[in-house]
Amino acid sequence: MIEELLSHTDPVQTFADLGLRPELVAVLTRHGIDHPFPIQAASLPDSLAGRNVLGRGRTGSGKTVAFALPVVTRLLEAGRRPRPGKPGALILVPTRELAVQVNETLAFLARAVGLKTMTIYGGVSYIPQLRKLEMGVDVVIATPGRLEDLIAQGRCDLSEVDITVLDEADLMADMGFLPPVMRLLDAMPATGQRMLFSATLDNDVDSLVRKYLKHPVTHSVDPVGSEPQIDHRLLLVTRDNKHAVLADLVQGEGRTLVFSRTKHGAARLAQELTNAGVPATELHGSLSQAVRQRNLNEFSNGGVRVLVATDIAARGIHVDDITLVIHADPPAEHKAFLHRSGRTARAGASGTVVTLCLREQNRLVKELMRKARITPTQSVVTPGDDTIVGIRGEIAAPPVRRPELKHFVPAHPKPSRSSHRPTHAGSRPRQDDRRGSMEGRASDERRPVVEGRSTRGPRPTEGTQSAWGRPPRRDGSVGGGPGRRPRQGR
């Protein structure tokens, strides 16, 4: 995410030219960051002036910095001190991974000027989030479900939010988050500044804009559906050789993201690739948030070159330098295809997208490509073909990370001893991990909470569970554990 700041698209215009506060310009300049992305250059004059902004651009176009800078600026101008449970700014995002990544960029700027940020999302303990809220924060980056939980508990109050950002609004609409988003917007002052950033601005997003953004200034970059730097390949395979072709494709040096239709399929493919000598890790909704974040970090930091994921990775995550995207299972509709493919060729870079197609999928995939306005290069392949070797040869190894950027990104908390190793292919999450997440669950792991502890509903009625937490024995007794004999009298 911090690499999003390193944009050099205009050799003339600088952040100082856009009216950014001198202290923030100084923070950026100290790290050699002077020139904005197009979406930043277009929207910052309006957002810094306090206007409602509607921004459209593909992932990787610099949207995060486009709203992070005005959020920090407006809070500095307000001069308010953080109050317990009452943030001054709110950024709503659809996924936990995106919340973490937005916070990394925002915290880098906020800490430099003495502001505090925090994330709120489900799948993790309430306690750290409650403690941070009680201490007072300036900016909250949150997913809708968990934030509504904390508001219902009286632990968070949005009545003093002066600036609101909706990031990836179209994905929130696709995931069914619009009702809670509207409830949250209704809980905030209508006079505050609001910004909405999205890859598309149609259907449900348009209705959200008309209701909650008064007289917005619209800034749009990157035409919807355009993929000028992506080389699309359609490889026709059979059921017998599909996995061998996939293993052959990922043998190159580049960073590869493989999409699977199901969670089970993602885990199985990651295991098969690892067994074939290509270490791979997985990302899907059956993993807890801690495991998902560790696996994503392992992929982002270069610990493994291949990430096998479900559509949970199609939107809302930012990993730089992905040179190859493989649709191991083609998606059902063209928007998902474009979002998946958009994981590569970010920030003006080039990339390759390969779609593996079985004979029975041919009609579906052709219709998919037509709606996406993609004309791929089509080939019938078998493992070891020159076509596969050629694709591998086009994929460059990811560049070495800049050492000077390491201190920008906050260190992730040290994992516990029981889970210190990243979960790779085939490793099953612990029992407590498996409770952490359900993909596509609109409630965002919402559970009732009593004094900071989650509950799982009413206790069983008498006779259904013993005092030891186990079902009663056939004879009705409840004492002791399984296999323990009754104590005999002496």
Protein backbone atom coordinates (compact mmCIF):
# COMPACT_ATOMS: atom_id res chain seq x y z
CA MET A 1 0.00 0.00 0.00
CA ILE A 2 2.79 2.46 0.77
CA GLU A 3 4.10 1.94 -2.75
CA GLU A 4 0.87 3.65 -3.82
CA LEU A 5 2.50 6.86 -2.60
CA LEU A 6 5.45 6.46 -4.96
CA SER A 7 3.70 7.74 -8.06
CA HIS A 8 5.49 9.79 -10.66
CA THR A 9 2.89 10.31 -13.36
CA ASP A 10 3.30 14.06 -13.82
CA PRO A 11 6.82 15.57 -13.85
CA VAL A 12 5.45 19.08 -13.24
CA GLN A 13 2.63 18.92 -10.72
CA THR A 14 3.51 18.16 -7.10
CA PHE A 15 1.52 17.61 -3.91
CA ALA A 16 2.51 21.13 -2.86
CA ASP A 17 0.93 22.47 -6.04
CA LEU A 18 -2.38 20.86 -5.00
CA GLY A 19 -2.61 22.91 -1.79
CA LEU A 20 -1.53 20.23 0.70
CA ARG A 21 -0.51 21.49 4.14
CA PRO A 22 3.24 22.18 4.45
CA GLU A 23 3.76 19.64 7.25
CA LEU A 24 2.26 16.86 5.15
CA VAL A 25 4.24 17.94 2.10
CA ALA A 26 7.35 17.81 4.28
CA VAL A 27 6.51 14.26 5.41
CA LEU A 28 6.15 13.14 1.80
CA THR A 29 9.19 15.04 0.59
CA ARG A 30 11.44 13.54 3.28
CA HIS A 31 10.78 10.18 1.67
CA GLY A 32 11.15 11.34 -1.92
CA ILE A 33 7.41 11.44 -2.64
CA ASP A 34 6.52 14.50 -4.71
CA HIS A 35 4.21 13.66 -7.62
CA PRO A 36 0.59 12.42 -7.50
CA PHE A 37 -1.35 9.82 -9.43
CA PRO A 38 -4.07 11.18 -11.78
CA ILE A 39 -6.91 10.40 -9.35
CA GLN A 40 -5.01 12.21 -6.60
CA ALA A 41 -4.19 15.22 -8.76
CA ALA A 42 -7.80 15.46 -9.95
CA SER A 43 -9.61 15.04 -6.62
CA LEU A 44 -7.34 16.59 -3.97
CA PRO A 45 -8.15 20.28 -4.67
CA ASP A 46 -11.86 19.56 -4.11
CA SER A 47 -11.48 17.14 -1.20
CA LEU A 48 -9.00 19.42 0.59
CA ALA A 49 -11.55 22.23 0.21
CA GLY A 50 -14.17 20.15 2.05
CA ARG A 51 -16.37 19.28 -0.93
CA ASN A 52 -18.13 15.96 -1.33
CA VAL A 53 -16.14 13.89 -3.82
CA LEU A 54 -17.12 10.99 -6.03
CA GLY A 55 -14.04 9.21 -7.39
CA ARG A 56 -13.84 6.38 -9.88
CA GLY A 57 -10.73 4.45 -10.72
CA ARG A 58 -9.39 0.93 -10.89
CA THR A 59 -7.65 -0.68 -7.93
CA GLY A 60 -4.07 0.50 -7.93
CA SER A 61 -4.97 3.94 -9.28
CA GLY A 62 -4.05 5.65 -6.00
CA LYS A 63 -7.50 6.01 -4.43
CA THR A 64 -6.27 5.31 -0.90
CA VAL A 65 -3.90 8.25 -0.85
CA ALA A 66 -6.53 10.37 -2.60
CA PHE A 67 -8.75 10.16 0.48
CA ALA A 68 -6.08 9.65 3.18
CA LEU A 69 -4.52 13.08 2.64
CA PRO A 70 -7.77 15.10 2.95
CA VAL A 71 -8.85 13.04 5.98
CA VAL A 72 -5.65 13.91 7.82
CA THR A 73 -5.77 17.52 6.60
CA ARG A 74 -9.36 18.15 7.70
CA LEU A 75 -8.73 16.67 11.15
CA LEU A 76 -5.65 18.86 11.59
CA GLU A 77 -7.65 21.93 10.60
CA ALA A 78 -10.42 21.05 13.05
CA GLY A 79 -7.91 20.88 15.91
CA ARG A 80 -10.14 18.50 17.88
CA ARG A 81 -8.76 16.20 20.55
CA PRO A 82 -9.77 12.53 20.31
CA ARG A 83 -12.60 11.63 22.66
CA PRO A 84 -13.36 8.13 24.03
CA GLY A 85 -15.56 6.25 21.60
CA LYS A 86 -16.11 9.28 19.36
CA PRO A 87 -13.89 9.34 16.25
CA GLY A 88 -13.64 12.41 14.04
CA ALA A 89 -13.37 10.49 10.77
CA LEU A 90 -14.69 7.16 9.52
CA ILE A 91 -13.53 5.08 6.57
CA LEU A 92 -15.84 2.19 5.64
CA VAL A 93 -14.37 -0.73 3.70
CA PRO A 94 -15.87 -4.07 2.61
CA THR A 95 -13.16 -6.50 3.80
CA ARG A 96 -10.85 -6.98 6.74
CA GLU A 97 -7.78 -7.23 4.54
CA LEU A 98 -8.56 -3.87 2.99
CA ALA A 99 -9.07 -2.33 6.45
CA VAL A 100 -5.57 -3.42 7.44
CA GLN A 101 -4.01 -2.15 4.24
CA VAL A 102 -5.81 1.21 4.29
CA ASN A 103 -4.66 1.67 7.86
CA GLU A 104 -1.05 1.05 6.86
CA THR A 105 -1.13 3.95 4.42
CA LEU A 106 -3.23 6.25 6.57
CA ALA A 107 -1.28 5.61 9.78
CA PHE A 108 1.96 6.50 8.02
CA LEU A 109 0.64 10.01 7.41
CA ALA A 110 -1.39 10.38 10.60
CA ARG A 111 1.40 9.43 13.01
CA ALA A 112 3.67 12.05 11.47
CA VAL A 113 1.27 14.80 12.58
CA GLY A 114 0.15 13.29 15.90
CA LEU A 115 -3.16 11.69 14.89
CA LYS A 116 -4.33 8.23 15.97
CA THR A 117 -5.96 5.59 13.76
CA MET A 118 -7.44 2.16 14.38
CA THR A 119 -9.17 -0.69 12.56
CA ILE A 120 -12.48 -2.32 13.47
CA TYR A 121 -13.47 -5.62 11.81
CA GLY A 122 -14.87 -9.02 12.71
CA GLY A 123 -13.15 -12.37 13.12
CA VAL A 124 -10.92 -11.10 15.94
CA SER A 125 -11.33 -10.32 19.62
CA TYR A 126 -13.39 -7.33 20.66
CA ILE A 127 -11.13 -6.45 23.58
CA PRO A 128 -8.26 -4.63 21.79
CA GLN A 129 -10.75 -2.68 19.70
CA LEU A 130 -12.73 -1.63 22.77
CA ARG A 131 -9.57 -0.51 24.56
CA LYS A 132 -8.44 1.66 21.65
CA LEU A 133 -11.87 3.24 21.39
CA GLU A 134 -11.85 4.02 25.11
CA MET A 135 -8.45 5.71 24.76
CA GLY A 136 -9.79 7.88 21.93
CA VAL A 137 -8.86 7.83 18.25
CA ASP A 138 -9.09 10.31 15.41
CA VAL A 139 -9.79 7.94 12.51
CA VAL A 140 -11.61 4.60 12.46
CA ILE A 141 -11.23 2.25 9.47
CA ALA A 142 -14.02 -0.29 9.76
CA THR A 143 -16.11 -2.98 8.13
CA PRO A 144 -19.86 -2.34 8.57
CA GLY A 145 -20.87 -5.40 10.62
CA ARG A 146 -18.45 -5.14 13.53
CA LEU A 147 -18.86 -1.37 13.70
CA GLU A 148 -22.62 -1.75 14.06
CA ASP A 149 -22.03 -4.25 16.87
CA LEU A 150 -19.90 -1.79 18.82
CA ILE A 151 -22.41 1.01 18.27
CA ALA A 152 -25.23 -1.25 19.54
CA GLN A 153 -23.16 -1.92 22.67
CA GLY A 154 -22.75 1.80 23.28
CA ARG A 155 -18.98 1.58 22.79
CA CYS A 156 -18.80 3.75 19.66
CA ASP A 157 -20.65 6.95 18.77
CA LEU A 158 -20.59 8.48 15.27
CA SER A 159 -22.22 11.78 16.22
CA GLU A 160 -18.92 13.70 15.93
CA VAL A 161 -17.73 12.25 12.60
CA ASP A 162 -16.89 15.21 10.35
CA ILE A 163 -15.49 13.32 7.36
CA THR A 164 -16.63 9.97 5.96
CA VAL A 165 -15.10 7.82 3.23
CA LEU A 166 -16.72 4.86 1.48
CA ASP A 167 -13.97 2.82 -0.18
CA GLU A 168 -14.72 0.13 -2.79
CA ALA A 169 -18.40 1.06 -2.64
CA ASP A 170 -19.36 -1.22 -5.51
CA LEU A 171 -17.90 -4.23 -3.70
CA MET A 172 -19.84 -3.31 -0.57
CA ALA A 173 -22.98 -3.28 -2.69
CA ASP A 174 -22.11 -6.67 -4.20
CA MET A 175 -21.55 -8.15 -0.73
CA GLY A 176 -24.91 -6.92 0.58
CA PHE A 177 -23.46 -4.26 2.87
CA LEU A 178 -25.55 -1.34 1.63
CA PRO A 179 -28.27 -1.59 4.34
CA PRO A 180 -25.77 -1.37 7.23
CA VAL A 181 -23.81 1.31 5.36
CA MET A 182 -26.97 3.40 5.08
CA ARG A 183 -27.74 2.92 8.76
CA LEU A 184 -24.23 4.08 9.64
CA LEU A 185 -24.52 7.12 7.38
CA ASP A 186 -27.83 7.98 9.02
CA ALA A 187 -26.08 7.92 12.42
CA MET A 188 -23.57 10.58 11.32
CA PRO A 189 -24.09 14.34 10.91
CA ALA A 190 -25.51 15.09 7.47
CA THR A 191 -23.39 18.24 7.30
CA GLY A 192 -20.07 16.37 7.32
CA GLN A 193 -17.86 15.90 4.27
CA ARG A 194 -18.35 12.61 2.41
CA MET A 195 -16.19 10.93 -0.19
CA LEU A 196 -16.98 7.79 -2.15
CA PHE A 197 -14.42 5.88 -4.20
CA SER A 198 -15.31 2.96 -6.41
CA ALA A 199 -14.29 1.14 -9.58
CA THR A 200 -17.83 1.54 -10.96
CA LEU A 201 -20.58 4.06 -10.24
CA ASP A 202 -23.73 2.30 -11.38
CA ASN A 203 -26.90 0.71 -9.95
CA ASP A 204 -26.84 0.54 -6.14
CA VAL A 205 -23.81 2.80 -5.85
CA ASP A 206 -25.63 5.49 -7.80
CA SER A 207 -28.61 5.33 -5.44
CA LEU A 208 -26.24 5.64 -2.47
CA VAL A 209 -24.62 8.69 -4.03
CA ARG A 210 -27.95 10.40 -4.76
CA LYS A 211 -29.16 9.94 -1.20
CA TYR A 212 -26.06 10.70 0.84
CA LEU A 213 -23.67 12.86 -1.22
CA LYS A 214 -25.03 16.35 -1.79
CA HIS A 215 -23.67 18.08 -4.90
CA PRO A 216 -20.61 15.81 -5.26
CA VAL A 217 -17.73 16.67 -7.54
CA THR A 218 -17.01 13.67 -9.76
CA HIS A 219 -13.50 12.65 -10.78
CA SER A 220 -13.01 9.62 -12.99
CA VAL A 221 -9.81 8.02 -14.26
CA ASP A 222 -9.21 4.75 -16.10
CA PRO A 223 -12.26 3.87 -18.27
CA VAL A 224 -14.30 1.03 -16.78
CA GLY A 225 -13.21 -2.36 -18.13
CA SER A 226 -10.05 -1.06 -19.83
CA GLU A 227 -7.00 -3.28 -19.35
CA PRO A 228 -4.43 -1.72 -21.70
CA GLN A 229 -1.40 -3.29 -20.04
CA ILE A 230 -2.74 -6.86 -19.71
CA ASP A 231 -1.94 -9.71 -22.07
CA HIS A 232 -4.93 -12.09 -21.95
CA ARG A 233 -4.38 -15.76 -22.79
CA LEU A 234 -7.07 -18.45 -23.07
CA LEU A 235 -5.62 -21.94 -22.70
CA LEU A 236 -7.81 -24.89 -23.67
CA VAL A 237 -7.09 -27.86 -21.41
CA THR A 238 -8.57 -31.23 -20.48
CA ARG A 239 -9.59 -32.52 -17.08
CA ASP A 240 -6.63 -34.89 -17.16
CA ASN A 241 -3.95 -32.28 -17.81
CA LYS A 242 -5.44 -29.12 -16.26
CA HIS A 243 -3.55 -29.34 -12.96
CA ALA A 244 -0.30 -30.28 -14.71
CA VAL A 245 -0.64 -27.24 -16.99
CA LEU A 246 -1.27 -25.05 -13.94
CA ALA A 247 1.80 -26.42 -12.15
CA ASP A 248 3.82 -25.77 -15.32
CA LEU A 249 2.62 -22.16 -15.58
CA VAL A 250 3.62 -21.20 -12.02
CA GLN A 251 7.19 -22.50 -12.34
CA GLY A 252 8.38 -19.04 -13.40
CA GLU A 253 9.97 -16.39 -11.21
CA GLY A 254 7.07 -13.95 -11.01
CA ARG A 255 4.49 -13.51 -8.28
CA THR A 256 1.34 -15.42 -9.26
CA LEU A 257 -2.25 -15.23 -8.02
CA VAL A 258 -4.42 -18.27 -8.83
CA PHE A 259 -8.20 -18.08 -8.50
CA SER A 260 -10.31 -21.08 -7.54
CA ARG A 261 -14.10 -21.24 -7.45
CA THR A 262 -14.39 -22.85 -4.00
CA LYS A 263 -12.59 -22.75 -0.67
CA HIS A 264 -11.94 -26.48 -0.78
CA GLY A 265 -10.57 -26.13 -4.30
CA ALA A 266 -8.20 -23.35 -3.23
CA ALA A 267 -6.80 -25.42 -0.38
CA ARG A 268 -6.43 -28.48 -2.61
CA LEU A 269 -4.72 -26.58 -5.44
CA ALA A 270 -2.30 -24.93 -3.01
CA GLN A 271 -1.41 -28.35 -1.60
CA GLU A 272 -0.92 -29.85 -5.05
CA LEU A 273 1.35 -27.00 -6.14
CA THR A 274 3.41 -27.32 -2.98
CA ASN A 275 3.73 -31.04 -3.57
CA ALA A 276 4.86 -30.29 -7.13
CA GLY A 277 7.76 -28.21 -5.80
CA VAL A 278 6.17 -24.74 -5.96
CA PRO A 279 5.48 -23.47 -2.40
CA ALA A 280 2.00 -21.97 -2.37
CA THR A 281 -0.29 -20.56 0.28
CA GLU A 282 -4.06 -20.16 0.36
CA LEU A 283 -6.56 -17.39 1.05
CA HIS A 284 -10.24 -18.09 1.59
CA GLY A 285 -13.07 -17.61 4.03
CA SER A 286 -12.59 -20.78 6.05
CA LEU A 287 -9.36 -19.38 7.53
CA SER A 288 -9.40 -17.11 10.55
CA GLN A 289 -8.49 -13.47 10.09
CA ALA A 290 -5.09 -14.01 11.71
CA VAL A 291 -4.24 -16.85 9.35
CA ARG A 292 -5.56 -14.98 6.32
CA GLN A 293 -3.43 -11.96 7.19
CA ARG A 294 -0.31 -14.08 7.76
CA ASN A 295 -0.76 -15.87 4.46
CA LEU A 296 -1.34 -12.59 2.63
CA ASN A 297 1.77 -11.10 4.26
CA GLU A 298 3.79 -14.16 3.31
CA PHE A 299 2.76 -13.70 -0.30
CA SER A 300 3.20 -9.92 -0.28
CA ASN A 301 6.63 -10.10 1.35
CA GLY A 302 7.93 -12.76 -1.04
CA GLY A 303 7.95 -15.73 1.36
CA VAL A 304 5.94 -17.63 -1.27
CA ARG A 305 5.45 -16.77 -4.93
CA VAL A 306 2.01 -18.32 -5.41
CA LEU A 307 -1.25 -17.47 -3.66
CA VAL A 308 -4.30 -19.62 -4.40
CA ALA A 309 -7.48 -17.79 -3.48
CA THR A 310 -11.21 -17.60 -3.90
CA ASP A 311 -12.94 -14.41 -4.98
CA ILE A 312 -12.18 -13.04 -1.53
CA ALA A 313 -8.96 -11.84 -3.17
CA ALA A 314 -10.62 -10.46 -6.29
CA ARG A 315 -11.36 -7.14 -4.59
CA GLY A 316 -10.27 -5.29 -1.54
CA ILE A 317 -6.65 -6.43 -1.25
CA HIS A 318 -3.57 -4.67 -2.52
CA VAL A 319 -0.46 -6.67 -3.37
CA ASP A 320 2.06 -5.04 -5.65
CA ASP A 321 4.07 -6.72 -8.39
CA ILE A 322 1.64 -9.55 -9.24
CA THR A 323 2.81 -10.40 -12.73
CA LEU A 324 0.52 -13.35 -13.48
CA VAL A 325 -3.14 -14.01 -12.68
CA ILE A 326 -4.53 -17.46 -13.47
CA HIS A 327 -8.24 -18.22 -13.56
CA ALA A 328 -8.00 -21.92 -12.68
CA ASP A 329 -11.79 -21.85 -12.47
CA PRO A 330 -13.42 -19.15 -14.65
CA PRO A 331 -15.84 -16.95 -12.70
CA ALA A 332 -19.57 -16.92 -13.36
CA GLU A 333 -19.84 -13.32 -14.60
CA HIS A 334 -17.71 -10.76 -16.37
CA LYS A 335 -17.41 -8.24 -13.53
CA ALA A 336 -15.74 -10.87 -11.36
CA PHE A 337 -13.44 -11.67 -14.27
CA LEU A 338 -12.37 -8.02 -14.56
CA HIS A 339 -11.90 -7.62 -10.81
CA ARG A 340 -9.81 -10.79 -10.62
CA SER A 341 -7.73 -9.77 -13.62
CA GLY A 342 -7.21 -6.32 -12.12
CA ARG A 343 -4.90 -7.79 -9.48
CA THR A 344 -2.11 -7.48 -12.05
CA ALA A 345 -0.99 -4.53 -14.21
CA ARG A 346 -1.47 -2.10 -11.34
CA ALA A 347 -0.14 1.46 -11.29
CA GLY A 348 0.81 1.45 -14.96
CA ALA A 349 2.69 -1.84 -14.88
CA SER A 350 2.03 -4.68 -17.32
CA GLY A 351 0.80 -8.17 -16.53
CA THR A 352 -0.48 -11.45 -17.93
CA VAL A 353 -3.85 -13.09 -17.30
CA VAL A 354 -4.35 -16.77 -18.16
CA THR A 355 -7.77 -18.44 -18.20
CA LEU A 356 -7.84 -22.25 -18.14
CA CYS A 357 -10.88 -23.53 -20.03
CA LEU A 358 -12.32 -27.05 -20.31
CA ARG A 359 -14.29 -28.12 -23.36
CA GLU A 360 -17.62 -27.92 -21.51
CA GLN A 361 -16.77 -24.38 -20.31
CA ASN A 362 -16.02 -23.05 -23.78
CA ARG A 363 -19.39 -21.38 -24.39
CA LEU A 364 -19.49 -19.81 -20.92
CA VAL A 365 -15.96 -18.45 -21.19
CA LYS A 366 -16.53 -16.99 -24.66
CA GLU A 367 -19.61 -15.14 -23.40
CA LEU A 368 -17.61 -13.98 -20.38
CA MET A 369 -14.89 -12.56 -22.60
CA ARG A 370 -17.41 -10.88 -24.88
CA LYS A 371 -19.11 -9.05 -22.00
CA ALA A 372 -15.74 -8.07 -20.58
CA ARG A 373 -14.68 -6.81 -24.02
CA ILE A 374 -11.61 -9.00 -23.95
CA THR A 375 -10.15 -10.72 -27.00
CA PRO A 376 -7.65 -13.25 -25.68
CA THR A 377 -4.97 -15.17 -27.53
CA GLN A 378 -6.33 -18.73 -27.66
CA SER A 379 -4.25 -21.92 -27.62
CA VAL A 380 -4.74 -25.64 -27.05
CA VAL A 381 -1.99 -26.69 -24.66
CA THR A 382 -0.46 -29.66 -22.89
CA PRO A 383 2.21 -29.58 -20.16
CA GLY A 384 5.59 -28.46 -21.49
CA ASP A 385 4.22 -26.73 -24.61
CA ASP A 386 6.15 -23.83 -26.08
CA THR A 387 3.14 -21.60 -25.32
CA ILE A 388 3.51 -22.24 -21.59
CA VAL A 389 7.27 -21.79 -21.73
CA GLY A 390 6.72 -18.50 -23.56
CA ILE A 391 4.28 -17.23 -20.91
CA ARG A 392 6.73 -18.11 -18.16
CA GLY A 393 9.49 -16.30 -20.01
CA GLU A 394 7.44 -13.11 -20.15
CA ILE A 395 6.95 -13.05 -16.38
CA ALA A 396 9.65 -11.10 -14.58
CA ALA A 397 10.63 -11.67 -10.99
CA PRO A 398 9.14 -9.12 -8.56
CA PRO A 399 11.49 -6.23 -7.79
CA VAL A 400 13.35 -6.12 -4.53
CA ARG A 401 11.49 -4.09 -1.91
CA ARG A 402 12.99 -0.71 -1.13
CA PRO A 403 14.76 -0.97 2.25
CA GLU A 404 13.96 2.64 3.09
CA LEU A 405 10.23 1.85 3.02
CA LYS A 406 10.35 -0.87 5.66
CA HIS A 407 9.87 1.49 8.58
CA PHE A 408 6.80 3.01 6.93
CA VAL A 409 4.71 -0.11 7.43
CA PRO A 410 3.68 -0.87 11.02
CA ALA A 411 4.95 -4.20 12.29
CA HIS A 412 2.27 -6.82 12.56
CA PRO A 413 1.76 -8.27 16.03
CA LYS A 414 3.90 -11.27 16.82
CA PRO A 415 1.82 -14.44 16.41
CA SER A 416 1.28 -16.69 19.38
CA ARG A 417 3.54 -19.68 19.95
CA SER A 418 0.81 -22.07 18.85
CA SER A 419 0.45 -20.39 15.46
CA HIS A 420 3.83 -18.84 14.69
CA ARG A 421 4.22 -20.43 11.30
CA PRO A 422 2.30 -19.26 8.22
CA THR A 423 -0.41 -21.62 7.08
CA HIS A 424 0.62 -23.09 3.75
CA ALA A 425 -1.06 -25.54 1.49
CA GLY A 426 -2.79 -28.39 3.18
CA SER A 427 -2.42 -27.06 6.72
CA ARG A 428 -5.72 -27.11 8.48
CA PRO A 429 -6.65 -24.23 10.79
CA ARG A 430 -7.07 -24.96 14.46
CA GLN A 431 -10.55 -25.35 15.83
CA ASP A 432 -10.64 -21.76 17.08
CA ASP A 433 -9.38 -20.55 13.67
CA ARG A 434 -12.22 -22.29 11.84
CA ARG A 435 -14.72 -20.19 13.75
CA GLY A 436 -13.12 -16.98 12.57
CA SER A 437 -14.61 -16.44 9.15
CA MET A 438 -17.33 -17.38 6.72
CA GLU A 439 -16.83 -16.09 3.21
CA GLY A 440 -19.57 -13.87 1.88
CA ARG A 441 -21.21 -13.48 5.27
CA ALA A 442 -22.82 -10.06 5.16
CA SER A 443 -23.04 -9.78 8.96
CA ASP A 444 -19.21 -9.65 9.15
CA GLU A 445 -19.00 -12.17 11.99
CA ARG A 446 -21.49 -10.33 14.11
CA ARG A 447 -22.14 -11.94 17.49
CA PRO A 448 -23.77 -10.62 20.62
CA VAL A 449 -21.31 -9.48 23.25
CA VAL A 450 -21.61 -9.33 27.02
CA GLU A 451 -18.93 -7.33 28.84
CA GLY A 452 -16.47 -7.75 26.01
CA ARG A 453 -16.94 -11.49 25.62
CA SER A 454 -18.75 -13.14 22.75
CA THR A 455 -21.59 -15.47 23.53
CA ARG A 456 -23.01 -18.27 21.47
CA GLY A 457 -26.64 -18.06 22.42
CA PRO A 458 -28.63 -19.35 25.40
CA ARG A 459 -27.31 -22.21 27.56
CA PRO A 460 -28.76 -25.64 26.89
CA THR A 461 -31.78 -26.60 28.95
CA GLU A 462 -31.45 -28.99 31.86
CA GLY A 463 -30.75 -32.55 30.81
CA THR A 464 -29.10 -31.69 27.49
CA GLN A 465 -25.63 -30.85 28.82
CA SER A 466 -23.79 -31.63 32.01
CA ALA A 467 -22.01 -29.24 34.31
CA TRP A 468 -18.79 -30.47 32.72
CA GLY A 469 -19.85 -29.17 29.29
CA ARG A 470 -20.49 -32.68 27.93
CA PRO A 471 -23.71 -34.54 27.12
CA PRO A 472 -25.00 -36.79 29.96
CA ARG A 473 -24.24 -40.47 29.89
CA ARG A 474 -26.81 -43.03 28.92
CA ASP A 475 -27.50 -43.76 32.58
CA GLY A 476 -28.10 -40.08 33.25
CA SER A 477 -24.94 -39.48 35.29
CA VAL A 478 -22.88 -36.36 34.62
CA GLY A 479 -19.74 -36.66 36.72
CA GLY A 480 -16.20 -37.20 35.47
CA GLY A 481 -14.83 -37.28 31.99
CA PRO A 482 -15.08 -39.96 29.32
CA GLY A 483 -13.52 -43.21 30.37
CA ARG A 484 -13.28 -42.39 34.10
CA ARG A 485 -14.61 -45.04 36.41
CA PRO A 486 -16.83 -44.20 39.38
CA ARG A 487 -14.85 -43.87 42.58
CA GLN A 488 -15.15 -47.04 44.65
CA GLY A 489 -15.60 -46.96 48.39
CA ARG A 490 -12.80 -48.37 50.50
